[in-house]
C-alpha atoms as a PDB file:
ATOM      1  CA  UNK A   1       8.810  21.224   3.007  1.00  0.00           C
ATOM      2  CA  UNK A   2       8.102  23.911   5.598  1.00  0.00           C
ATOM      3  CA  UNK A   3       7.609  22.951   9.235  1.00  0.00           C
ATOM      4  CA  UNK A   4       3.926  23.898   9.368  1.00  0.00           C
ATOM      5  CA  UNK A   5       3.017  21.763   6.388  1.00  0.00           C
ATOM      6  CA  UNK A   6       4.996  18.848   7.804  1.00  0.00           C
ATOM      7  CA  UNK A   7       3.193  19.248  11.125  1.00  0.00           C
ATOM      8  CA  UNK A   8      -0.182  19.132   9.392  1.00  0.00           C
ATOM      9  CA  UNK A   9       0.742  15.973   7.485  1.00  0.00           C
ATOM     10  CA  UNK A  10       2.018  14.272  10.650  1.00  0.00           C
ATOM     11  CA  UNK A  11      -1.166  15.244  12.449  1.00  0.00           C
ATOM     12  CA  UNK A  12      -3.113  13.803   9.516  1.00  0.00           C
ATOM     13  CA  UNK A  13      -1.226  10.528   9.876  1.00  0.00           C
ATOM     14  CA  UNK A  14      -1.954  10.428  13.598  1.00  0.00           C
ATOM     15  CA  UNK A  15      -5.657  10.987  12.953  1.00  0.00           C
ATOM     16  CA  UNK A  16      -5.836   8.171  10.391  1.00  0.00           C
ATOM     17  CA  UNK A  17      -3.882   5.809  12.635  1.00  0.00           C
ATOM     18  CA  UNK A  18      -6.047   6.724  15.632  1.00  0.00           C
ATOM     19  CA  UNK A  19      -9.370   6.162  13.865  1.00  0.00           C
ATOM     20  CA  UNK A  20      -8.132   2.908  12.331  1.00  0.00           C
ATOM     21  CA  UNK A  21      -6.971   1.500  15.658  1.00  0.00           C
ATOM     22  CA  UNK A  22     -10.170   2.530  17.432  1.00  0.00           C
ATOM     23  CA  UNK A  23     -12.203   0.848  14.703  1.00  0.00           C
ATOM     24  CA  UNK A  24     -10.169  -2.366  14.780  1.00  0.00           C
ATOM     25  CA  UNK A  25     -10.135  -2.546  18.584  1.00  0.00           C
ATOM     26  CA  UNK A  26     -13.911  -2.098  18.610  1.00  0.00           C
ATOM     27  CA  UNK A  27     -14.247  -4.901  16.036  1.00  0.00           C
ATOM     28  CA  UNK A  28     -11.906  -7.125  18.064  1.00  0.00           C
ATOM     29  CA  UNK A  29      -9.803  -8.235  15.106  1.00  0.00           C
ATOM     30  CA  UNK A  30      -8.729  -7.091  11.689  1.00  0.00           C
ATOM     31  CA  UNK A  31      -5.987  -6.424   9.181  1.00  0.00           C
ATOM     32  CA  UNK A  32      -3.776  -4.236  11.321  1.00  0.00           C
ATOM     33  CA  UNK A  33      -0.239  -4.681   9.998  1.00  0.00           C
ATOM     34  CA  UNK A  34      -0.688  -3.691   6.376  1.00  0.00           C
ATOM     35  CA  UNK A  35      -3.232  -1.000   7.225  1.00  0.00           C
ATOM     36  CA  UNK A  36      -0.682   0.703   9.473  1.00  0.00           C
ATOM     37  CA  UNK A  37       2.183   0.647   6.969  1.00  0.00           C
ATOM     38  CA  UNK A  38       0.316   2.905   4.503  1.00  0.00           C
ATOM     39  CA  UNK A  39      -1.005   5.470   7.010  1.00  0.00           C
ATOM     40  CA  UNK A  40       1.630   8.109   6.229  1.00  0.00           C
ATOM     41  CA  UNK A  41       1.064   7.574   2.515  1.00  0.00           C
ATOM     42  CA  UNK A  42      -2.684   8.089   2.906  1.00  0.00           C
ATOM     43  CA  UNK A  43      -2.143  11.280   4.889  1.00  0.00           C
ATOM     44  CA  UNK A  44       0.054  12.712   2.138  1.00  0.00           C
ATOM     45  CA  UNK A  45      -2.330  11.637  -0.616  1.00  0.00           C
ATOM     46  CA  UNK A  46      -5.512  13.014   0.929  1.00  0.00           C
ATOM     47  CA  UNK A  47      -3.971  16.143   2.439  1.00  0.00           C
ATOM     48  CA  UNK A  48      -1.609  17.272  -0.304  1.00  0.00           C
ATOM     49  CA  UNK A  49      -1.725  15.271  -3.549  1.00  0.00           C
ATOM     50  CA  UNK A  50      -5.150  14.102  -4.671  1.00  0.00           C
ATOM     51  CA  UNK A  51      -7.841  16.084  -6.438  1.00  0.00           C
ATOM     52  CA  UNK A  52     -11.210  15.008  -5.079  1.00  0.00           C
ATOM     53  CA  UNK A  53     -14.624  16.245  -3.960  1.00  0.00           C
ATOM     54  CA  UNK A  54     -16.027  14.288  -1.013  1.00  0.00           C
ATOM     55  CA  UNK A  55     -19.484  15.678  -1.709  1.00  0.00           C
ATOM     56  CA  UNK A  56     -19.239  14.255  -5.260  1.00  0.00           C
ATOM     57  CA  UNK A  57     -17.234  11.012  -4.875  1.00  0.00           C
ATOM     58  CA  UNK A  58     -17.565  10.133  -8.578  1.00  0.00           C
ATOM     59  CA  UNK A  59     -16.422  13.601  -9.729  1.00  0.00           C
ATOM     60  CA  UNK A  60     -15.172  13.082 -13.277  1.00  0.00           C
ATOM     61  CA  UNK A  61     -12.008  15.160 -12.848  1.00  0.00           C
ATOM     62  CA  UNK A  62     -10.805  13.413  -9.689  1.00  0.00           C
ATOM     63  CA  UNK A  63      -7.612  11.461  -9.222  1.00  0.00           C
ATOM     64  CA  UNK A  64      -8.122   7.759  -8.542  1.00  0.00           C
ATOM     65  CA  UNK A  65      -6.856   5.565  -5.711  1.00  0.00           C
ATOM     66  CA  UNK A  66      -6.698   1.820  -6.321  1.00  0.00           C
ATOM     67  CA  UNK A  67      -5.817  -0.014  -3.119  1.00  0.00           C
ATOM     68  CA  UNK A  68      -4.820  -3.310  -4.700  1.00  0.00           C
ATOM     69  CA  UNK A  69      -3.686  -4.600  -1.292  1.00  0.00           C
ATOM     70  CA  UNK A  70      -7.316  -4.483  -0.271  1.00  0.00           C
ATOM     71  CA  UNK A  71      -6.764  -5.945   3.197  1.00  0.00           C
ATOM     72  CA  UNK A  72      -5.527  -2.461   4.161  1.00  0.00           C
ATOM     73  CA  UNK A  73      -9.083  -1.197   3.715  1.00  0.00           C
ATOM     74  CA  UNK A  74      -9.538  -0.052   7.352  1.00  0.00           C
ATOM     75  CA  UNK A  75      -6.967   2.743   7.067  1.00  0.00           C
ATOM     76  CA  UNK A  76      -8.419   3.817   3.711  1.00  0.00           C
ATOM     77  CA  UNK A  77     -11.858   3.982   5.344  1.00  0.00           C
ATOM     78  CA  UNK A  78     -10.455   6.109   8.164  1.00  0.00           C
ATOM     79  CA  UNK A  79      -8.885   8.504   5.652  1.00  0.00           C
ATOM     80  CA  UNK A  80     -12.130   8.765   3.673  1.00  0.00           C
ATOM     81  CA  UNK A  81     -14.189   9.430   6.811  1.00  0.00           C
ATOM     82  CA  UNK A  82     -11.751  12.075   8.048  1.00  0.00           C
ATOM     83  CA  UNK A  83     -11.956  13.840   4.685  1.00  0.00           C
ATOM     84  CA  UNK A  84     -15.725  13.986   4.530  1.00  0.00           C
ATOM     85  CA  UNK A  85     -16.766  11.093   2.294  1.00  0.00           C
ATOM     86  CA  UNK A  86     -18.982   9.666   5.048  1.00  0.00           C
ATOM     87  CA  UNK A  87     -19.615  10.034   8.777  1.00  0.00           C
ATOM     88  CA  UNK A  88     -16.983   8.692  11.149  1.00  0.00           C
ATOM     89  CA  UNK A  89     -19.632   6.749  13.048  1.00  0.00           C
ATOM     90  CA  UNK A  90     -19.890   4.469  10.032  1.00  0.00           C
ATOM     91  CA  UNK A  91     -16.401   3.181  10.873  1.00  0.00           C
ATOM     92  CA  UNK A  92     -17.989   1.241  13.709  1.00  0.00           C
ATOM     93  CA  UNK A  93     -19.885  -0.960  11.275  1.00  0.00           C
ATOM     94  CA  UNK A  94     -16.706  -2.491   9.831  1.00  0.00           C
ATOM     95  CA  UNK A  95     -17.326  -6.078   8.713  1.00  0.00           C
ATOM     96  CA  UNK A  96     -20.894  -6.185  10.037  1.00  0.00           C
ATOM     97  CA  UNK A  97     -23.630  -7.767   7.959  1.00  0.00           C
ATOM     98  CA  UNK A  98     -24.960  -5.274   5.437  1.00  0.00           C
ATOM     99  CA  UNK A  99     -22.218  -2.733   6.143  1.00  0.00           C
ATOM    100  CA  UNK A 100     -20.924  -0.352   3.512  1.00  0.00           C
ATOM    101  CA  UNK A 101     -17.444  -0.964   4.957  1.00  0.00           C
ATOM    102  CA  UNK A 102     -16.532  -4.595   4.235  1.00  0.00           C
ATOM    103  CA  UNK A 103     -13.107  -5.919   5.185  1.00  0.00           C
ATOM    104  CA  UNK A 104     -11.880  -5.277   1.633  1.00  0.00           C
ATOM    105  CA  UNK A 105     -12.926  -2.215  -0.419  1.00  0.00           C
ATOM    106  CA  UNK A 106     -16.009  -2.424  -2.617  1.00  0.00           C
ATOM    107  CA  UNK A 107     -16.626   0.464  -5.009  1.00  0.00           C
ATOM    108  CA  UNK A 108     -20.352  -0.333  -5.135  1.00  0.00           C
ATOM    109  CA  UNK A 109     -20.712   0.060  -1.378  1.00  0.00           C
ATOM    110  CA  UNK A 110     -18.338   2.747  -0.147  1.00  0.00           C
ATOM    111  CA  UNK A 111     -18.232   6.424  -1.199  1.00  0.00           C
ATOM    112  CA  UNK A 112     -14.709   7.336  -2.289  1.00  0.00           C
ATOM    113  CA  UNK A 113     -13.620   3.803  -3.186  1.00  0.00           C
ATOM    114  CA  UNK A 114     -12.625   3.662  -6.855  1.00  0.00           C
ATOM    115  CA  UNK A 115     -11.992  -0.080  -7.233  1.00  0.00           C
ATOM    116  CA  UNK A 116     -13.183  -3.306  -5.647  1.00  0.00           C
ATOM    117  CA  UNK A 117     -10.067  -5.134  -4.470  1.00  0.00           C
ATOM    118  CA  UNK A 118      -8.860  -7.857  -2.162  1.00  0.00           C
ATOM    119  CA  UNK A 119      -8.018 -10.678  -4.530  1.00  0.00           C
ATOM    120  CA  UNK A 120      -4.349  -9.789  -4.661  1.00  0.00           C
ATOM    121  CA  UNK A 121      -2.933  -8.662  -7.983  1.00  0.00           C
ATOM    122  CA  UNK A 122      -6.224  -7.757  -9.613  1.00  0.00           C
ATOM    123  CA  UNK A 123      -6.050  -4.095  -8.661  1.00  0.00           C
ATOM    124  CA  UNK A 124      -2.980  -3.680 -10.855  1.00  0.00           C
ATOM    125  CA  UNK A 125      -4.978  -4.540 -13.971  1.00  0.00           C
ATOM    126  CA  UNK A 126      -7.874  -2.342 -12.874  1.00  0.00           C
ATOM    127  CA  UNK A 127      -5.524   0.613 -12.410  1.00  0.00           C
ATOM    128  CA  UNK A 128      -3.922   0.006 -15.798  1.00  0.00           C
ATOM    129  CA  UNK A 129      -7.361   0.040 -17.404  1.00  0.00           C
ATOM    130  CA  UNK A 130      -8.365   3.275 -15.688  1.00  0.00           C
ATOM    131  CA  UNK A 131      -5.082   4.887 -16.714  1.00  0.00           C
ATOM    132  CA  UNK A 132      -5.484   3.887 -20.347  1.00  0.00           C
ATOM    133  CA  UNK A 133      -9.070   5.148 -20.351  1.00  0.00           C
ATOM    134  CA  UNK A 134      -7.908   8.514 -19.013  1.00  0.00           C
ATOM    135  CA  UNK A 135      -5.342   8.763 -21.796  1.00  0.00           C
ATOM    136  CA  UNK A 136      -7.797   7.809 -24.540  1.00  0.00           C
ATOM    137  CA  UNK A 137     -10.301  10.333 -23.210  1.00  0.00           C
ATOM    138  CA  UNK A 138      -7.662  13.079 -23.237  1.00  0.00           C
ATOM    139  CA  UNK A 139      -7.562  13.362 -19.453  1.00  0.00           C
ATOM    140  CA  UNK A 140      -3.863  12.641 -18.979  1.00  0.00           C
ATOM    141  CA  UNK A 141      -3.595  15.318 -16.305  1.00  0.00           C
ATOM    142  CA  UNK A 142      -5.433  13.009 -13.920  1.00  0.00           C
ATOM    143  CA  UNK A 143      -3.564  10.315 -12.037  1.00  0.00           C
ATOM    144  CA  UNK A 144      -4.262   6.813 -10.775  1.00  0.00           C
ATOM    145  CA  UNK A 145      -2.430   6.011  -7.538  1.00  0.00           C
ATOM    146  CA  UNK A 146      -2.019   2.244  -7.416  1.00  0.00           C
ATOM    147  CA  UNK A 147      -1.017   0.925  -3.974  1.00  0.00           C
ATOM    148  CA  UNK A 148       0.428  -2.593  -3.996  1.00  0.00           C
ATOM    149  CA  UNK A 149       1.974  -4.710  -1.264  1.00  0.00           C
ATOM    150  CA  UNK A 150       5.376  -6.349  -1.474  1.00  0.00           C
ATOM    151  CA  UNK A 151       3.864  -9.743  -0.640  1.00  0.00           C
ATOM    152  CA  UNK A 152       1.227  -9.100  -3.287  1.00  0.00           C
ATOM    153  CA  UNK A 153       4.031  -8.963  -5.837  1.00  0.00           C
ATOM    154  CA  UNK A 154       4.268 -12.759  -5.579  1.00  0.00           C
ATOM    155  CA  UNK A 155       1.262 -12.643  -7.937  1.00  0.00           C
ATOM    156  CA  UNK A 156       2.147 -12.924 -11.619  1.00  0.00           C
ATOM    157  CA  UNK A 157      -0.747 -10.671 -12.604  1.00  0.00           C
ATOM    158  CA  UNK A 158       1.105  -7.700 -11.099  1.00  0.00           C
ATOM    159  CA  UNK A 159       4.040  -8.148 -13.444  1.00  0.00           C
ATOM    160  CA  UNK A 160       1.788  -8.574 -16.470  1.00  0.00           C
ATOM    161  CA  UNK A 161       0.129  -5.268 -15.597  1.00  0.00           C
ATOM    162  CA  UNK A 162       3.508  -3.592 -15.034  1.00  0.00           C
ATOM    163  CA  UNK A 163       4.669  -4.833 -18.438  1.00  0.00           C
ATOM    164  CA  UNK A 164       1.563  -3.225 -19.955  1.00  0.00           C
ATOM    165  CA  UNK A 165       2.219   0.059 -18.122  1.00  0.00           C
ATOM    166  CA  UNK A 166       5.844   0.105 -19.236  1.00  0.00           C
ATOM    167  CA  UNK A 167       5.045  -0.748 -22.867  1.00  0.00           C
ATOM    168  CA  UNK A 168       2.564   2.112 -23.107  1.00  0.00           C
ATOM    169  CA  UNK A 169       4.674   4.492 -20.972  1.00  0.00           C
ATOM    170  CA  UNK A 170       1.486   4.923 -18.976  1.00  0.00           C
ATOM    171  CA  UNK A 171       2.618   7.681 -16.623  1.00  0.00           C
ATOM    172  CA  UNK A 172      -1.020   8.299 -15.721  1.00  0.00           C
ATOM    173  CA  UNK A 173      -0.660   5.396 -13.274  1.00  0.00           C
ATOM    174  CA  UNK A 174       1.735   5.882 -10.361  1.00  0.00           C
ATOM    175  CA  UNK A 175       2.618   2.494  -8.874  1.00  0.00           C
ATOM    176  CA  UNK A 176       3.290   2.725  -5.131  1.00  0.00           C
ATOM    177  CA  UNK A 177       4.937  -0.313  -3.530  1.00  0.00           C
ATOM    178  CA  UNK A 178       4.441  -0.723   0.214  1.00  0.00           C
ATOM    179  CA  UNK A 179       7.728  -2.460   1.017  1.00  0.00           C
ATOM    180  CA  UNK A 180       7.078  -3.516   4.627  1.00  0.00           C
ATOM    181  CA  UNK A 181       9.040  -6.807   4.289  1.00  0.00           C
ATOM    182  CA  UNK A 182       6.268  -9.041   5.624  1.00  0.00           C
ATOM    183  CA  UNK A 183       3.198 -10.808   4.309  1.00  0.00           C
ATOM    184  CA  UNK A 184       0.438 -12.997   5.723  1.00  0.00           C
ATOM    185  CA  UNK A 185       2.682 -15.981   6.508  1.00  0.00           C
ATOM    186  CA  UNK A 186       5.760 -14.137   7.770  1.00  0.00           C
ATOM    187  CA  UNK A 187       8.829 -12.375   6.408  1.00  0.00           C
ATOM    188  CA  UNK A 188       9.145 -12.032   2.639  1.00  0.00           C
ATOM    189  CA  UNK A 189      12.537 -13.715   2.780  1.00  0.00           C
ATOM    190  CA  UNK A 190      10.988 -16.795   4.411  1.00  0.00           C
ATOM    191  CA  UNK A 191       8.231 -17.194   1.799  1.00  0.00           C
ATOM    192  CA  UNK A 192       9.773 -16.337  -1.578  1.00  0.00           C
ATOM    193  CA  UNK A 193      13.101 -14.547  -1.912  1.00  0.00           C
ATOM    194  CA  UNK A 194      12.023 -11.025  -2.939  1.00  0.00           C
ATOM    195  CA  UNK A 195      13.362  -9.098  -5.899  1.00  0.00           C
ATOM    196  CA  UNK A 196      15.357  -5.929  -5.537  1.00  0.00           C
ATOM    197  CA  UNK A 197      12.191  -4.013  -6.367  1.00  0.00           C
ATOM    198  CA  UNK A 198      14.007  -0.855  -7.437  1.00  0.00           C
ATOM    199  CA  UNK A 199      16.155  -2.718  -9.973  1.00  0.00           C
ATOM    200  CA  UNK A 200      13.281  -4.935 -11.067  1.00  0.00           C
ATOM    201  CA  UNK A 201      10.964  -2.023 -11.821  1.00  0.00           C
ATOM    202  CA  UNK A 202      13.753  -0.197 -13.634  1.00  0.00           C
ATOM    203  CA  UNK A 203      14.390  -3.308 -15.721  1.00  0.00           C
ATOM    204  CA  UNK A 204      10.726  -3.207 -16.762  1.00  0.00           C
ATOM    205  CA  UNK A 205      11.164   0.377 -17.964  1.00  0.00           C
ATOM    206  CA  UNK A 206       9.888   2.339 -14.960  1.00  0.00           C
ATOM    207  CA  UNK A 207      11.289   5.511 -13.470  1.00  0.00           C
ATOM    208  CA  UNK A 208      11.619   4.655  -9.781  1.00  0.00           C
ATOM    209  CA  UNK A 209      11.599   7.061  -6.849  1.00  0.00           C
ATOM    210  CA  UNK A 210      12.617   5.789  -3.413  1.00  0.00           C
ATOM    211  CA  UNK A 211      11.067   7.235  -0.256  1.00  0.00           C
ATOM    212  CA  UNK A 212      11.037   6.661   3.479  1.00  0.00           C
ATOM    213  CA  UNK A 213       7.475   5.451   4.003  1.00  0.00           C
ATOM    214  CA  UNK A 214       7.578   6.549   7.645  1.00  0.00           C
ATOM    215  CA  UNK A 215       8.269  10.191   6.784  1.00  0.00           C
ATOM    216  CA  UNK A 216       5.564  12.318   5.222  1.00  0.00           C
ATOM    217  CA  UNK A 217       8.018  14.812   3.705  1.00  0.00           C
ATOM    218  CA  UNK A 218       9.898  12.032   1.890  1.00  0.00           C
ATOM    219  CA  UNK A 219       6.668  10.513   0.552  1.00  0.00           C
ATOM    220  CA  UNK A 220       5.395  13.921  -0.549  1.00  0.00           C
ATOM    221  CA  UNK A 221       8.596  14.724  -2.417  1.00  0.00           C
ATOM    222  CA  UNK A 222       8.652  11.366  -4.195  1.00  0.00           C
ATOM    223  CA  UNK A 223       4.993  11.505  -5.238  1.00  0.00           C
ATOM    224  CA  UNK A 224       5.357  15.024  -6.619  1.00  0.00           C
ATOM    225  CA  UNK A 225       8.473  14.035  -8.563  1.00  0.00           C
ATOM    226  CA  UNK A 226       6.685  10.958  -9.909  1.00  0.00           C
ATOM    227  CA  UNK A 227       3.764  13.118 -10.968  1.00  0.00           C
ATOM    228  CA  UNK A 228       6.056  15.143 -13.242  1.00  0.00           C
ATOM    229  CA  UNK A 229       7.156  12.134 -15.305  1.00  0.00           C
ATOM    230  CA  UNK A 230       5.601  12.087 -18.786  1.00  0.00           C
ATOM    231  CA  UNK A 231       7.899   9.823 -20.812  1.00  0.00           C
ATOM    232  CA  UNK A 232       7.751   6.467 -19.011  1.00  0.00           C
ATOM    233  CA  UNK A 233       5.892   4.350 -16.506  1.00  0.00           C
ATOM    234  CA  UNK A 234       6.589   5.438 -12.945  1.00  0.00           C
ATOM    235  CA  UNK A 235       6.910   3.837  -9.511  1.00  0.00           C
ATOM    236  CA  UNK A 236       7.370   5.066  -5.940  1.00  0.00           C
ATOM    237  CA  UNK A 237       9.041   2.513  -3.666  1.00  0.00           C
ATOM    238  CA  UNK A 238       8.159   3.118  -0.012  1.00  0.00           C
ATOM    239  CA  UNK A 239      10.402   1.679   2.695  1.00  0.00           C
ATOM    240  CA  UNK A 240       7.877   0.911   5.440  1.00  0.00           C
ATOM    241  CA  UNK A 241       7.372  -1.250   8.528  1.00  0.00           C
ATOM    242  CA  UNK A 242       4.463  -3.630   9.007  1.00  0.00           C
ATOM    243  CA  UNK A 243       2.306  -2.412  11.937  1.00  0.00           C
ATOM    244  CA  UNK A 244       4.049   0.951  11.640  1.00  0.00           C
ATOM    245  CA  UNK A 245       3.282   3.197  14.616  1.00  0.00           C
ATOM    246  CA  UNK A 246       1.942   0.379  16.812  1.00  0.00           C
ATOM    247  CA  UNK A 247       4.881  -0.756  18.982  1.00  0.00           C
ATOM    248  CA  UNK A 248       3.205  -3.880  20.364  1.00  0.00           C
ATOM    249  CA  UNK A 249       2.733  -5.417  16.905  1.00  0.00           C
ATOM    250  CA  UNK A 250       5.976  -4.439  15.183  1.00  0.00           C
ATOM    251  CA  UNK A 251       8.020  -7.596  14.499  1.00  0.00           C
ATOM    252  CA  UNK A 252       5.210  -9.870  15.727  1.00  0.00           C
ATOM    253  CA  UNK A 253       4.406 -12.802  13.470  1.00  0.00           C
ATOM    254  CA  UNK A 254       0.657 -12.296  13.981  1.00  0.00           C
ATOM    255  CA  UNK A 255       0.570  -8.630  12.963  1.00  0.00           C
ATOM    256  CA  UNK A 256      -1.147  -9.278   9.621  1.00  0.00           C
ATOM    257  CA  UNK A 257      -4.681  -9.930  10.899  1.00  0.00           C
ATOM    258  CA  UNK A 258      -4.639 -10.450  14.664  1.00  0.00           C
ATOM    259  CA  UNK A 259      -7.504 -11.169  16.985  1.00  0.00           C
ATOM    260  CA  UNK A 260      -7.022  -8.981  20.043  1.00  0.00           C
ATOM    261  CA  UNK A 261      -6.730 -10.678  23.421  1.00  0.00           C
ATOM    262  CA  UNK A 262      -6.788  -8.764  26.722  1.00  0.00           C
ATOM    263  CA  UNK A 263      -3.050  -7.979  26.568  1.00  0.00           C
ATOM    264  CA  UNK A 264      -3.286  -6.736  22.992  1.00  0.00           C
ATOM    265  CA  UNK A 265      -6.235  -4.477  23.835  1.00  0.00           C
ATOM    266  CA  UNK A 266      -4.316  -3.049  26.779  1.00  0.00           C
ATOM    267  CA  UNK A 267      -1.350  -2.256  24.537  1.00  0.00           C
ATOM    268  CA  UNK A 268      -3.576  -0.817  21.815  1.00  0.00           C
ATOM    269  CA  UNK A 269      -5.154   1.454  24.414  1.00  0.00           C
ATOM    270  CA  UNK A 270      -1.710   2.865  25.219  1.00  0.00           C
ATOM    271  CA  UNK A 271      -1.097   3.694  21.582  1.00  0.00           C
ATOM    272  CA  UNK A 272      -4.597   5.128  21.177  1.00  0.00           C
ATOM    273  CA  UNK A 273      -4.166   7.375  24.222  1.00  0.00           C
ATOM    274  CA  UNK A 274      -0.814   8.651  22.956  1.00  0.00           C
ATOM    275  CA  UNK A 275      -2.323   9.417  19.550  1.00  0.00           C
ATOM    276  CA  UNK A 276      -5.320  11.167  21.099  1.00  0.00           C
ATOM    277  CA  UNK A 277      -3.003  13.419  23.069  1.00  0.00           C
ATOM    278  CA  UNK A 278      -0.858  14.161  20.022  1.00  0.00           C
ATOM    279  CA  UNK A 279      -3.906  15.071  17.936  1.00  0.00           C
ATOM    280  CA  UNK A 280      -5.410  17.159  20.754  1.00  0.00           C
ATOM    281  CA  UNK A 281      -2.163  19.134  20.930  1.00  0.00           C
ATOM    282  CA  UNK A 282      -2.351  19.830  17.203  1.00  0.00           C
ATOM    283  CA  UNK A 283       0.525  17.565  16.255  1.00  0.00           C
ATOM    284  CA  UNK A 284       3.019  19.409  18.407  1.00  0.00           C
END
């Protein structure tokens, strides 16, 4: 990847992270940790991978994004606003009564949202259904990008859907695992001993591509390689950090959905100011 393209993707990540943090700080609480760990992924998807038309969100020839780990909705909303699906001012209605931006994505409320998610595991089946529909309609060139959390993979429904994808060699669906090593109650290793996800997905019949989920160039390379697979189910395994890019919350037990006290707001302001400067300088 050339330096200019990498700069643009890093700037895109900073913009998504900035808008997400401003939104959450304004709200006073929210799902910060998991929203932050997919920021770089969202920048790559919306700046370099996806086919979409913000002016026609339901464009028939678009690629689909299914955010099965729906609690990461705030960063998806930021990405959608930054790419023209709706006005950025709408971000400051997050979780309000009657808002079109509920805490978890709702395809009937939010332009650009392709699946209603939040009940963990269910997005995997939705994505499998969309992928099969694309194949049956002869639209195999389109992709479904299914984003799942590592904690979410405690749900048996995920593995049933993966078995379906593998059986049908449904390469139309690219499974993306956000491997940030934490879930709502703490570290994965303290809740249920996690699988070696690379080996597990391979054992199901998937081609697996590993990527550094903190580096846009690594994500971009893996997604493009995954998109070329036509003879098997496919997975991209992202090595990420919960609360990625927000120093105060990295390694904190309450990073999943914190309520911000005065100290937290002060620390968030420091991160917000640094991001604002970085964006103002064009990502340089």
